[in-house]
C-alpha cells in the first residue's frame, strides 16, 4: 500500500511538473518556434518607375520601407539596404528581448540605484523612473517604448543580464536569428555609436517579428500608460500627432527615434482596408524638437502609397 501511495505521489508530482513546464509556459515555446520561422519578404511594386520617383521625392527620409503584413510583401522601398543609424528604434529590439527573457512581466521590481551613474552624461531621453522605485517590470517596457526612456532600457538590461555587454550579446544573437544580416547593436538605448547600425529592411524584419508577440503589440500600440507607482508615460509619437494637429487615420502604434547622426526615424504599425502594414523610415531632415518630417513621411506613405 505504501509503495502504491509513493508511486501515486511520484506520478502526480511528475505530471504537475510537466504541465507547469510545458503547458503553462507554452508562450515561450510559441516564441521559440516563431523565432525560427523564415523571416523574409517578397517584393510587389504595383506602380510605375515614374510613380516611384514621385513617392521618393515626396518623403524627406533617405531610407524607407512599407510592408503588407498579411502578404509579407514589400510594396514600397527607398534605399532599403542602405546603412542607417537606428537611434531609438533600437529600443524595439530591447523591448522584445525584455519580454522574451523575463519570466513574468507583471512582477513587482525595484529600480536599481546604479543605473543612473552614467545617464546624466548621455543626455538621453528619460521616462522618469527614480532609483529604488517599486514598479511592475512591464512598466519598464512601456517606459522604453512610449517616452523612449534610457532609464527604462538600463533597468531592463539590469534585470535580464546585469550589464550592457551581456545584454548586447542577446541583441546581436536575436538579430542573427531574424536574418538581420546588415545590422549590429552596441547598446540598448540607441545612443549614437558607429557600431550600432542597421537598415530599414532589417528593422522591418525585427518589427514584423515583434508584433507577433501579444505583450509587445499591446505596448507598441498604447498611447499612454500609468505605472504601478503613478508615473504617467506618454507616447512621443502620439504626443507629436496631437500637439501638431496632424491628421492620422491609419497608424495605431509607433516608435520614434532621433540623433543628429541618425536624423529623424520612425517605425509604425497600422491598418488600412483590412490589411495590416508596417513602415520604417530613417534619416529624415529636421530634429525631434521642431519638425515632424518623419511623421509626415509616414502619414504620406499610408495615404498615398498604401491603397
C-alpha atoms as a PDB file:
ATOM      1  CA  UNK A   1       0.000   0.000   0.000  1.00  0.00           C
ATOM      2  CA  UNK A   2       2.832   2.383   0.896  1.00  0.00           C
ATOM      3  CA  UNK A   3       4.649   1.574  -2.353  1.00  0.00           C
ATOM      4  CA  UNK A   4       1.477   2.267  -4.280  1.00  0.00           C
ATOM      5  CA  UNK A   5       0.997   5.575  -2.445  1.00  0.00           C
ATOM      6  CA  UNK A   6       4.598   6.635  -3.105  1.00  0.00           C
ATOM      7  CA  UNK A   7       4.229   5.736  -6.772  1.00  0.00           C
ATOM      8  CA  UNK A   8       0.981   7.686  -6.990  1.00  0.00           C
ATOM      9  CA  UNK A   9       2.567  10.764  -5.373  1.00  0.00           C
ATOM     10  CA  UNK A  10       5.581  10.499  -7.703  1.00  0.00           C
ATOM     11  CA  UNK A  11       3.364  10.302 -10.791  1.00  0.00           C
ATOM     12  CA  UNK A  12       1.219  13.201  -9.570  1.00  0.00           C
ATOM     13  CA  UNK A  13       4.250  15.419  -8.947  1.00  0.00           C
ATOM     14  CA  UNK A  14       5.743  14.446 -12.301  1.00  0.00           C
ATOM     15  CA  UNK A  15       2.508  15.292 -14.139  1.00  0.00           C
ATOM     16  CA  UNK A  16       2.300  18.629 -12.324  1.00  0.00           C
ATOM     17  CA  UNK A  17       5.872  19.451 -13.328  1.00  0.00           C
ATOM     18  CA  UNK A  18       5.235  18.542 -16.962  1.00  0.00           C
ATOM     19  CA  UNK A  19       2.078  20.671 -17.018  1.00  0.00           C
ATOM     20  CA  UNK A  20       3.890  23.632 -15.484  1.00  0.00           C
ATOM     21  CA  UNK A  21       6.988  23.333 -17.629  1.00  0.00           C
ATOM     22  CA  UNK A  22       5.388  22.605 -20.994  1.00  0.00           C
ATOM     23  CA  UNK A  23       1.760  23.681 -20.985  1.00  0.00           C
ATOM     24  CA  UNK A  24       1.642  26.708 -18.710  1.00  0.00           C
ATOM     25  CA  UNK A  25       4.765  28.039 -20.414  1.00  0.00           C
ATOM     26  CA  UNK A  26       3.622  27.392 -23.973  1.00  0.00           C
ATOM     27  CA  UNK A  27       4.053  31.100 -24.717  1.00  0.00           C
ATOM     28  CA  UNK A  28       7.817  30.609 -24.648  1.00  0.00           C
ATOM     29  CA  UNK A  29       7.508  27.568 -26.892  1.00  0.00           C
ATOM     30  CA  UNK A  30       5.471  29.574 -29.403  1.00  0.00           C
ATOM     31  CA  UNK A  31       8.027  32.366 -29.294  1.00  0.00           C
ATOM     32  CA  UNK A  32      10.837  29.876 -29.901  1.00  0.00           C
ATOM     33  CA  UNK A  33       9.053  28.400 -32.912  1.00  0.00           C
ATOM     34  CA  UNK A  34       8.199  31.862 -34.254  1.00  0.00           C
ATOM     35  CA  UNK A  35      11.817  32.974 -33.938  1.00  0.00           C
ATOM     36  CA  UNK A  36      12.934  30.198 -36.232  1.00  0.00           C
ATOM     37  CA  UNK A  37      10.411  30.753 -38.995  1.00  0.00           C
ATOM     38  CA  UNK A  38      11.671  32.101 -42.296  1.00  0.00           C
ATOM     39  CA  UNK A  39      11.955  35.840 -41.790  1.00  0.00           C
ATOM     40  CA  UNK A  40      11.899  37.159 -45.353  1.00  0.00           C
ATOM     41  CA  UNK A  41       9.703  39.362 -47.533  1.00  0.00           C
ATOM     42  CA  UNK A  42       8.849  39.282 -51.212  1.00  0.00           C
ATOM     43  CA  UNK A  43       8.612  42.415 -53.350  1.00  0.00           C
ATOM     44  CA  UNK A  44       5.447  43.541 -55.105  1.00  0.00           C
ATOM     45  CA  UNK A  45       5.541  47.081 -56.522  1.00  0.00           C
ATOM     46  CA  UNK A  46       2.232  47.973 -58.197  1.00  0.00           C
ATOM     47  CA  UNK A  47       3.294  51.289 -59.665  1.00  0.00           C
ATOM     48  CA  UNK A  48       5.449  52.634 -62.471  1.00  0.00           C
ATOM     49  CA  UNK A  49       9.002  53.893 -62.205  1.00  0.00           C
ATOM     50  CA  UNK A  50       7.668  57.405 -62.674  1.00  0.00           C
ATOM     51  CA  UNK A  51       5.251  56.975 -59.785  1.00  0.00           C
ATOM     52  CA  UNK A  52       8.002  55.611 -57.579  1.00  0.00           C
ATOM     53  CA  UNK A  53      10.078  58.678 -58.329  1.00  0.00           C
ATOM     54  CA  UNK A  54       7.185  60.844 -57.167  1.00  0.00           C
ATOM     55  CA  UNK A  55       6.931  58.828 -53.940  1.00  0.00           C
ATOM     56  CA  UNK A  56      10.686  59.100 -53.375  1.00  0.00           C
ATOM     57  CA  UNK A  57      10.673  62.836 -53.921  1.00  0.00           C
ATOM     58  CA  UNK A  58       7.727  63.439 -51.599  1.00  0.00           C
ATOM     59  CA  UNK A  59       9.320  61.995 -48.494  1.00  0.00           C
ATOM     60  CA  UNK A  60      12.213  63.562 -46.658  1.00  0.00           C
ATOM     61  CA  UNK A  61      13.518  60.257 -45.264  1.00  0.00           C
ATOM     62  CA  UNK A  62      16.554  58.950 -47.115  1.00  0.00           C
ATOM     63  CA  UNK A  63      15.533  55.335 -46.464  1.00  0.00           C
ATOM     64  CA  UNK A  64      12.035  53.876 -46.210  1.00  0.00           C
ATOM     65  CA  UNK A  65      10.109  50.634 -46.498  1.00  0.00           C
ATOM     66  CA  UNK A  66       6.414  49.701 -46.429  1.00  0.00           C
ATOM     67  CA  UNK A  67       5.332  46.099 -45.851  1.00  0.00           C
ATOM     68  CA  UNK A  68       1.942  44.407 -46.048  1.00  0.00           C
ATOM     69  CA  UNK A  69       1.994  42.081 -43.043  1.00  0.00           C
ATOM     70  CA  UNK A  70      -0.863  39.972 -44.407  1.00  0.00           C
ATOM     71  CA  UNK A  71       1.035  39.032 -47.554  1.00  0.00           C
ATOM     72  CA  UNK A  72       4.626  39.622 -46.298  1.00  0.00           C
ATOM     73  CA  UNK A  73       5.210  41.784 -49.369  1.00  0.00           C
ATOM     74  CA  UNK A  74       7.339  44.893 -49.676  1.00  0.00           C
ATOM     75  CA  UNK A  75       5.046  47.289 -51.503  1.00  0.00           C
ATOM     76  CA  UNK A  76       7.420  50.269 -51.461  1.00  0.00           C
ATOM     77  CA  UNK A  77      11.043  50.873 -50.608  1.00  0.00           C
ATOM     78  CA  UNK A  78      13.640  53.593 -50.886  1.00  0.00           C
ATOM     79  CA  UNK A  79      17.251  52.596 -50.240  1.00  0.00           C
ATOM     80  CA  UNK A  80      16.128  49.616 -48.111  1.00  0.00           C
ATOM     81  CA  UNK A  81      19.636  48.146 -47.750  1.00  0.00           C
ATOM     82  CA  UNK A  82      21.464  51.401 -47.098  1.00  0.00           C
ATOM     83  CA  UNK A  83      23.249  51.522 -43.753  1.00  0.00           C
ATOM     84  CA  UNK A  84      21.448  53.742 -41.254  1.00  0.00           C
ATOM     85  CA  UNK A  85      21.765  54.532 -37.566  1.00  0.00           C
ATOM     86  CA  UNK A  86      18.524  53.407 -35.892  1.00  0.00           C
ATOM     87  CA  UNK A  87      18.655  55.770 -32.898  1.00  0.00           C
ATOM     88  CA  UNK A  88      15.809  54.856 -30.529  1.00  0.00           C
ATOM     89  CA  UNK A  89      14.336  52.329 -32.962  1.00  0.00           C
ATOM     90  CA  UNK A  90      16.985  50.205 -31.241  1.00  0.00           C
ATOM     91  CA  UNK A  91      14.543  50.019 -28.331  1.00  0.00           C
ATOM     92  CA  UNK A  92      12.287  47.743 -30.387  1.00  0.00           C
ATOM     93  CA  UNK A  93      14.985  45.093 -30.027  1.00  0.00           C
ATOM     94  CA  UNK A  94      15.494  45.974 -26.363  1.00  0.00           C
ATOM     95  CA  UNK A  95      11.788  45.630 -25.641  1.00  0.00           C
ATOM     96  CA  UNK A  96      11.206  42.297 -27.383  1.00  0.00           C
ATOM     97  CA  UNK A  97      14.232  40.803 -25.620  1.00  0.00           C
ATOM     98  CA  UNK A  98      12.989  42.313 -22.369  1.00  0.00           C
ATOM     99  CA  UNK A  99       9.717  40.450 -22.877  1.00  0.00           C
ATOM    100  CA  UNK A 100      11.101  37.131 -24.042  1.00  0.00           C
ATOM    101  CA  UNK A 101      13.876  36.836 -21.481  1.00  0.00           C
ATOM    102  CA  UNK A 102      11.800  37.642 -18.380  1.00  0.00           C
ATOM    103  CA  UNK A 103       9.500  35.075 -16.810  1.00  0.00           C
ATOM    104  CA  UNK A 104       6.715  37.324 -15.518  1.00  0.00           C
ATOM    105  CA  UNK A 105       6.346  40.868 -16.823  1.00  0.00           C
ATOM    106  CA  UNK A 106       3.703  41.575 -14.152  1.00  0.00           C
ATOM    107  CA  UNK A 107       6.228  41.030 -11.364  1.00  0.00           C
ATOM    108  CA  UNK A 108       6.948  43.856  -8.921  1.00  0.00           C
ATOM    109  CA  UNK A 109      10.570  45.016  -9.142  1.00  0.00           C
ATOM    110  CA  UNK A 110      12.736  47.722  -7.597  1.00  0.00           C
ATOM    111  CA  UNK A 111      14.621  50.135  -9.854  1.00  0.00           C
ATOM    112  CA  UNK A 112      18.349  49.605  -9.210  1.00  0.00           C
ATOM    113  CA  UNK A 113      20.347  52.563  -7.981  1.00  0.00           C
ATOM    114  CA  UNK A 114      23.487  52.057 -10.066  1.00  0.00           C
ATOM    115  CA  UNK A 115      21.833  52.511 -13.486  1.00  0.00           C
ATOM    116  CA  UNK A 116      21.726  56.282 -13.005  1.00  0.00           C
ATOM    117  CA  UNK A 117      25.504  56.690 -12.657  1.00  0.00           C
ATOM    118  CA  UNK A 118      26.102  57.375 -16.348  1.00  0.00           C
ATOM    119  CA  UNK A 119      22.702  58.568 -17.581  1.00  0.00           C
ATOM    120  CA  UNK A 120      23.282  62.173 -16.579  1.00  0.00           C
ATOM    121  CA  UNK A 121      26.191  62.402 -19.012  1.00  0.00           C
ATOM    122  CA  UNK A 122      24.454  60.890 -22.033  1.00  0.00           C
ATOM    123  CA  UNK A 123      21.672  63.477 -22.500  1.00  0.00           C
ATOM    124  CA  UNK A 124      19.400  60.540 -23.359  1.00  0.00           C
ATOM    125  CA  UNK A 125      15.613  60.663 -23.127  1.00  0.00           C
ATOM    126  CA  UNK A 126      14.323  59.727 -19.680  1.00  0.00           C
ATOM    127  CA  UNK A 127      10.982  58.150 -18.795  1.00  0.00           C
ATOM    128  CA  UNK A 128      11.074  59.467 -15.217  1.00  0.00           C
ATOM    129  CA  UNK A 129      11.869  56.428 -13.081  1.00  0.00           C
ATOM    130  CA  UNK A 130      13.773  57.011  -9.847  1.00  0.00           C
ATOM    131  CA  UNK A 131      16.258  54.826  -8.023  1.00  0.00           C
ATOM    132  CA  UNK A 132      14.564  52.318  -5.702  1.00  0.00           C
ATOM    133  CA  UNK A 133      11.102  52.969  -7.197  1.00  0.00           C
ATOM    134  CA  UNK A 134       8.819  49.944  -6.931  1.00  0.00           C
ATOM    135  CA  UNK A 135       7.203  49.297 -10.316  1.00  0.00           C
ATOM    136  CA  UNK A 136       5.916  46.407 -12.351  1.00  0.00           C
ATOM    137  CA  UNK A 137       8.521  45.013 -14.714  1.00  0.00           C
ATOM    138  CA  UNK A 138       6.183  45.731 -17.635  1.00  0.00           C
ATOM    139  CA  UNK A 139       6.240  49.425 -16.647  1.00  0.00           C
ATOM    140  CA  UNK A 140       9.878  49.428 -17.771  1.00  0.00           C
ATOM    141  CA  UNK A 141       8.848  48.037 -21.162  1.00  0.00           C
ATOM    142  CA  UNK A 142       6.299  50.817 -21.565  1.00  0.00           C
ATOM    143  CA  UNK A 143       8.931  53.310 -20.409  1.00  0.00           C
ATOM    144  CA  UNK A 144      11.310  52.154 -23.115  1.00  0.00           C
ATOM    145  CA  UNK A 145       8.719  52.229 -25.883  1.00  0.00           C
ATOM    146  CA  UNK A 146       6.436  55.206 -25.194  1.00  0.00           C
ATOM    147  CA  UNK A 147       8.658  58.071 -23.917  1.00  0.00           C
ATOM    148  CA  UNK A 148      11.816  56.248 -25.102  1.00  0.00           C
ATOM    149  CA  UNK A 149      13.445  56.284 -21.677  1.00  0.00           C
ATOM    150  CA  UNK A 150      17.089  55.239 -21.312  1.00  0.00           C
ATOM    151  CA  UNK A 151      16.394  54.783 -17.591  1.00  0.00           C
ATOM    152  CA  UNK A 152      13.905  52.102 -18.634  1.00  0.00           C
ATOM    153  CA  UNK A 153      16.279  50.344 -21.045  1.00  0.00           C
ATOM    154  CA  UNK A 154      19.105  50.398 -18.491  1.00  0.00           C
ATOM    155  CA  UNK A 155      16.767  48.828 -15.939  1.00  0.00           C
ATOM    156  CA  UNK A 156      15.638  46.154 -18.418  1.00  0.00           C
ATOM    157  CA  UNK A 157      19.204  45.172 -19.232  1.00  0.00           C
ATOM    158  CA  UNK A 158      19.999  45.039 -15.482  1.00  0.00           C
ATOM    159  CA  UNK A 159      17.156  42.625 -14.768  1.00  0.00           C
ATOM    160  CA  UNK A 160      17.975  40.464 -17.791  1.00  0.00           C
ATOM    161  CA  UNK A 161      21.766  40.461 -17.914  1.00  0.00           C
ATOM    162  CA  UNK A 162      23.090  42.642 -15.072  1.00  0.00           C
ATOM    163  CA  UNK A 163      25.155  44.688 -17.525  1.00  0.00           C
ATOM    164  CA  UNK A 164      25.036  46.173 -21.007  1.00  0.00           C
ATOM    165  CA  UNK A 165      27.695  43.950 -22.552  1.00  0.00           C
ATOM    166  CA  UNK A 166      25.784  40.736 -21.898  1.00  0.00           C
ATOM    167  CA  UNK A 167      22.519  42.299 -22.988  1.00  0.00           C
ATOM    168  CA  UNK A 168      24.080  43.445 -26.276  1.00  0.00           C
ATOM    169  CA  UNK A 169      25.134  39.834 -26.910  1.00  0.00           C
ATOM    170  CA  UNK A 170      21.463  38.843 -26.682  1.00  0.00           C
ATOM    171  CA  UNK A 171      20.534  41.636 -29.088  1.00  0.00           C
ATOM    172  CA  UNK A 172      23.015  40.502 -31.722  1.00  0.00           C
ATOM    173  CA  UNK A 173      22.093  36.859 -31.226  1.00  0.00           C
ATOM    174  CA  UNK A 174      18.446  37.742 -31.889  1.00  0.00           C
ATOM    175  CA  UNK A 175      19.426  39.826 -34.931  1.00  0.00           C
ATOM    176  CA  UNK A 176      21.223  36.812 -36.358  1.00  0.00           C
ATOM    177  CA  UNK A 177      18.192  34.561 -35.796  1.00  0.00           C
ATOM    178  CA  UNK A 178      15.970  37.087 -37.539  1.00  0.00           C
ATOM    179  CA  UNK A 179      18.358  37.239 -40.509  1.00  0.00           C
ATOM    180  CA  UNK A 180      19.097  40.901 -39.936  1.00  0.00           C
ATOM    181  CA  UNK A 181      22.243  40.482 -41.999  1.00  0.00           C
ATOM    182  CA  UNK A 182      23.171  44.160 -42.175  1.00  0.00           C
ATOM    183  CA  UNK A 183      22.684  45.050 -38.519  1.00  0.00           C
ATOM    184  CA  UNK A 184      24.795  45.235 -35.397  1.00  0.00           C
ATOM    185  CA  UNK A 185      23.875  46.526 -31.953  1.00  0.00           C
ATOM    186  CA  UNK A 186      26.222  48.058 -29.393  1.00  0.00           C
ATOM    187  CA  UNK A 187      23.806  49.390 -26.769  1.00  0.00           C
ATOM    188  CA  UNK A 188      20.208  49.046 -25.611  1.00  0.00           C
ATOM    189  CA  UNK A 189      19.136  52.693 -25.884  1.00  0.00           C
ATOM    190  CA  UNK A 190      20.132  53.680 -29.420  1.00  0.00           C
ATOM    191  CA  UNK A 191      22.555  56.406 -28.393  1.00  0.00           C
ATOM    192  CA  UNK A 192      24.862  57.041 -31.311  1.00  0.00           C
ATOM    193  CA  UNK A 193      27.678  54.584 -31.831  1.00  0.00           C
ATOM    194  CA  UNK A 194      29.253  53.736 -35.172  1.00  0.00           C
ATOM    195  CA  UNK A 195      28.809  50.054 -34.308  1.00  0.00           C
ATOM    196  CA  UNK A 196      25.080  50.452 -33.670  1.00  0.00           C
ATOM    197  CA  UNK A 197      23.666  50.303 -37.190  1.00  0.00           C
ATOM    198  CA  UNK A 198      21.004  48.639 -39.321  1.00  0.00           C
ATOM    199  CA  UNK A 199      18.882  49.063 -42.465  1.00  0.00           C
ATOM    200  CA  UNK A 200      15.178  49.790 -42.808  1.00  0.00           C
ATOM    201  CA  UNK A 201      14.619  46.300 -44.240  1.00  0.00           C
ATOM    202  CA  UNK A 202      16.343  44.670 -41.271  1.00  0.00           C
ATOM    203  CA  UNK A 203      14.333  46.794 -38.843  1.00  0.00           C
ATOM    204  CA  UNK A 204      11.160  45.750 -40.673  1.00  0.00           C
ATOM    205  CA  UNK A 205      12.092  42.115 -40.031  1.00  0.00           C
ATOM    206  CA  UNK A 206      12.501  42.950 -36.362  1.00  0.00           C
ATOM    207  CA  UNK A 207       9.208  44.837 -36.059  1.00  0.00           C
ATOM    208  CA  UNK A 208       7.286  42.203 -38.022  1.00  0.00           C
ATOM    209  CA  UNK A 209       8.596  39.503 -35.700  1.00  0.00           C
ATOM    210  CA  UNK A 210       7.987  41.538 -32.536  1.00  0.00           C
ATOM    211  CA  UNK A 211       4.361  42.314 -33.386  1.00  0.00           C
ATOM    212  CA  UNK A 212       3.624  38.575 -33.274  1.00  0.00           C
ATOM    213  CA  UNK A 213       4.084  38.824 -29.523  1.00  0.00           C
ATOM    214  CA  UNK A 214       0.866  39.936 -27.817  1.00  0.00           C
ATOM    215  CA  UNK A 215       2.628  41.785 -24.997  1.00  0.00           C
ATOM    216  CA  UNK A 216       4.833  43.694 -27.418  1.00  0.00           C
ATOM    217  CA  UNK A 217       1.911  44.625 -29.641  1.00  0.00           C
ATOM    218  CA  UNK A 218      -0.084  45.908 -26.658  1.00  0.00           C
ATOM    219  CA  UNK A 219       2.841  48.106 -25.618  1.00  0.00           C
ATOM    220  CA  UNK A 220       3.628  49.312 -29.143  1.00  0.00           C
ATOM    221  CA  UNK A 221       0.045  50.425 -29.787  1.00  0.00           C
ATOM    222  CA  UNK A 222      -0.541  52.203 -26.468  1.00  0.00           C
ATOM    223  CA  UNK A 223      -0.957  55.991 -26.354  1.00  0.00           C
ATOM    224  CA  UNK A 224      -0.449  56.338 -22.615  1.00  0.00           C
ATOM    225  CA  UNK A 225       0.380  54.103 -19.657  1.00  0.00           C
ATOM    226  CA  UNK A 226       0.285  54.722 -15.900  1.00  0.00           C
ATOM    227  CA  UNK A 227       2.853  52.775 -13.908  1.00  0.00           C
ATOM    228  CA  UNK A 228       2.338  50.927 -10.640  1.00  0.00           C
ATOM    229  CA  UNK A 229       3.620  53.957  -8.699  1.00  0.00           C
ATOM    230  CA  UNK A 230       1.578  56.515 -10.650  1.00  0.00           C
ATOM    231  CA  UNK A 231       4.077  57.738 -13.243  1.00  0.00           C
ATOM    232  CA  UNK A 232       2.276  58.662 -16.474  1.00  0.00           C
ATOM    233  CA  UNK A 233       4.133  57.569 -19.619  1.00  0.00           C
ATOM    234  CA  UNK A 234       3.062  59.092 -22.941  1.00  0.00           C
ATOM    235  CA  UNK A 235       3.882  58.028 -26.478  1.00  0.00           C
ATOM    236  CA  UNK A 236       6.217  60.534 -28.126  1.00  0.00           C
ATOM    237  CA  UNK A 237       4.610  59.749 -31.493  1.00  0.00           C
ATOM    238  CA  UNK A 238       1.004  60.283 -30.427  1.00  0.00           C
ATOM    239  CA  UNK A 239       2.036  63.359 -28.436  1.00  0.00           C
ATOM    240  CA  UNK A 240       3.522  64.917 -31.566  1.00  0.00           C
ATOM    241  CA  UNK A 241       0.497  64.000 -33.665  1.00  0.00           C
ATOM    242  CA  UNK A 242      -1.858  65.565 -31.137  1.00  0.00           C
ATOM    243  CA  UNK A 243       0.212  68.654 -30.365  1.00  0.00           C
ATOM    244  CA  UNK A 244       0.737  69.463 -34.038  1.00  0.00           C
ATOM    245  CA  UNK A 245      -2.818  68.587 -35.128  1.00  0.00           C
ATOM    246  CA  UNK A 246      -1.548  66.036 -37.647  1.00  0.00           C
ATOM    247  CA  UNK A 247      -4.303  64.009 -39.298  1.00  0.00           C
ATOM    248  CA  UNK A 248      -3.696  60.318 -38.616  1.00  0.00           C
ATOM    249  CA  UNK A 249      -6.276  57.894 -39.950  1.00  0.00           C
ATOM    250  CA  UNK A 250      -4.382  54.612 -40.032  1.00  0.00           C
ATOM    251  CA  UNK A 251      -1.365  54.427 -37.695  1.00  0.00           C
ATOM    252  CA  UNK A 252      -2.141  52.526 -34.488  1.00  0.00           C
ATOM    253  CA  UNK A 253       1.310  52.264 -32.977  1.00  0.00           C
ATOM    254  CA  UNK A 254       4.738  53.769 -33.467  1.00  0.00           C
ATOM    255  CA  UNK A 255       8.272  54.211 -32.170  1.00  0.00           C
ATOM    256  CA  UNK A 256      10.223  57.392 -32.862  1.00  0.00           C
ATOM    257  CA  UNK A 257      13.973  57.911 -32.887  1.00  0.00           C
ATOM    258  CA  UNK A 258      16.449  60.761 -33.299  1.00  0.00           C
ATOM    259  CA  UNK A 259      20.108  61.548 -33.003  1.00  0.00           C
ATOM    260  CA  UNK A 260      21.961  64.148 -35.091  1.00  0.00           C
ATOM    261  CA  UNK A 261      23.760  61.323 -36.889  1.00  0.00           C
ATOM    262  CA  UNK A 262      20.632  59.218 -37.467  1.00  0.00           C
ATOM    263  CA  UNK A 263      18.243  62.017 -38.354  1.00  0.00           C
ATOM    264  CA  UNK A 264      14.556  61.518 -37.613  1.00  0.00           C
ATOM    265  CA  UNK A 265      13.461  57.868 -37.649  1.00  0.00           C
ATOM    266  CA  UNK A 266      10.077  56.232 -37.261  1.00  0.00           C
ATOM    267  CA  UNK A 267       8.623  52.728 -37.162  1.00  0.00           C
ATOM    268  CA  UNK A 268       4.845  52.340 -37.403  1.00  0.00           C
ATOM    269  CA  UNK A 269       2.101  49.743 -37.396  1.00  0.00           C
ATOM    270  CA  UNK A 270      -1.267  50.496 -38.977  1.00  0.00           C
ATOM    271  CA  UNK A 271      -4.354  49.108 -40.644  1.00  0.00           C
ATOM    272  CA  UNK A 272      -5.869  50.227 -43.927  1.00  0.00           C
ATOM    273  CA  UNK A 273      -8.586  48.472 -45.941  1.00  0.00           C
ATOM    274  CA  UNK A 274      -8.473  45.478 -43.570  1.00  0.00           C
ATOM    275  CA  UNK A 275      -4.762  44.897 -44.158  1.00  0.00           C
ATOM    276  CA  UNK A 276      -2.013  45.355 -41.579  1.00  0.00           C
ATOM    277  CA  UNK A 277       1.087  47.341 -42.523  1.00  0.00           C
ATOM    278  CA  UNK A 278       4.380  48.395 -41.047  1.00  0.00           C
ATOM    279  CA  UNK A 279       6.623  51.217 -42.192  1.00  0.00           C
ATOM    280  CA  UNK A 280      10.193  52.056 -41.286  1.00  0.00           C
ATOM    281  CA  UNK A 281      11.676  55.415 -42.253  1.00  0.00           C
ATOM    282  CA  UNK A 282      15.127  56.713 -41.377  1.00  0.00           C
ATOM    283  CA  UNK A 283      17.351  59.751 -41.729  1.00  0.00           C
ATOM    284  CA  UNK A 284      14.679  62.352 -42.323  1.00  0.00           C
ATOM    285  CA  UNK A 285      15.618  66.029 -42.163  1.00  0.00           C
ATOM    286  CA  UNK A 286      14.980  68.040 -39.026  1.00  0.00           C
ATOM    287  CA  UNK A 287      15.128  67.324 -35.301  1.00  0.00           C
ATOM    288  CA  UNK A 288      12.782  65.944 -32.696  1.00  0.00           C
ATOM    289  CA  UNK A 289      12.047  69.303 -31.094  1.00  0.00           C
ATOM    290  CA  UNK A 290      10.994  71.481 -34.022  1.00  0.00           C
ATOM    291  CA  UNK A 291      10.000  69.380 -37.026  1.00  0.00           C
ATOM    292  CA  UNK A 292       7.944  66.279 -37.728  1.00  0.00           C
ATOM    293  CA  UNK A 293       9.193  65.307 -41.171  1.00  0.00           C
ATOM    294  CA  UNK A 294       9.436  61.624 -40.177  1.00  0.00           C
ATOM    295  CA  UNK A 295       5.795  61.608 -39.061  1.00  0.00           C
ATOM    296  CA  UNK A 296       4.647  63.466 -42.159  1.00  0.00           C
ATOM    297  CA  UNK A 297       6.592  60.983 -44.311  1.00  0.00           C
ATOM    298  CA  UNK A 298       4.790  58.060 -42.728  1.00  0.00           C
ATOM    299  CA  UNK A 299       1.390  59.716 -42.980  1.00  0.00           C
ATOM    300  CA  UNK A 300       2.124  60.259 -46.673  1.00  0.00           C
ATOM    301  CA  UNK A 301       3.059  56.591 -47.143  1.00  0.00           C
ATOM    302  CA  UNK A 302      -0.218  55.440 -45.585  1.00  0.00           C
ATOM    303  CA  UNK A 303      -2.276  57.949 -47.541  1.00  0.00           C
ATOM    304  CA  UNK A 304      -0.616  57.733 -50.966  1.00  0.00           C
ATOM    305  CA  UNK A 305       1.438  54.553 -51.295  1.00  0.00           C
ATOM    306  CA  UNK A 306      -0.833  52.109 -49.485  1.00  0.00           C
ATOM    307  CA  UNK A 307      -4.011  51.555 -51.487  1.00  0.00           C
END
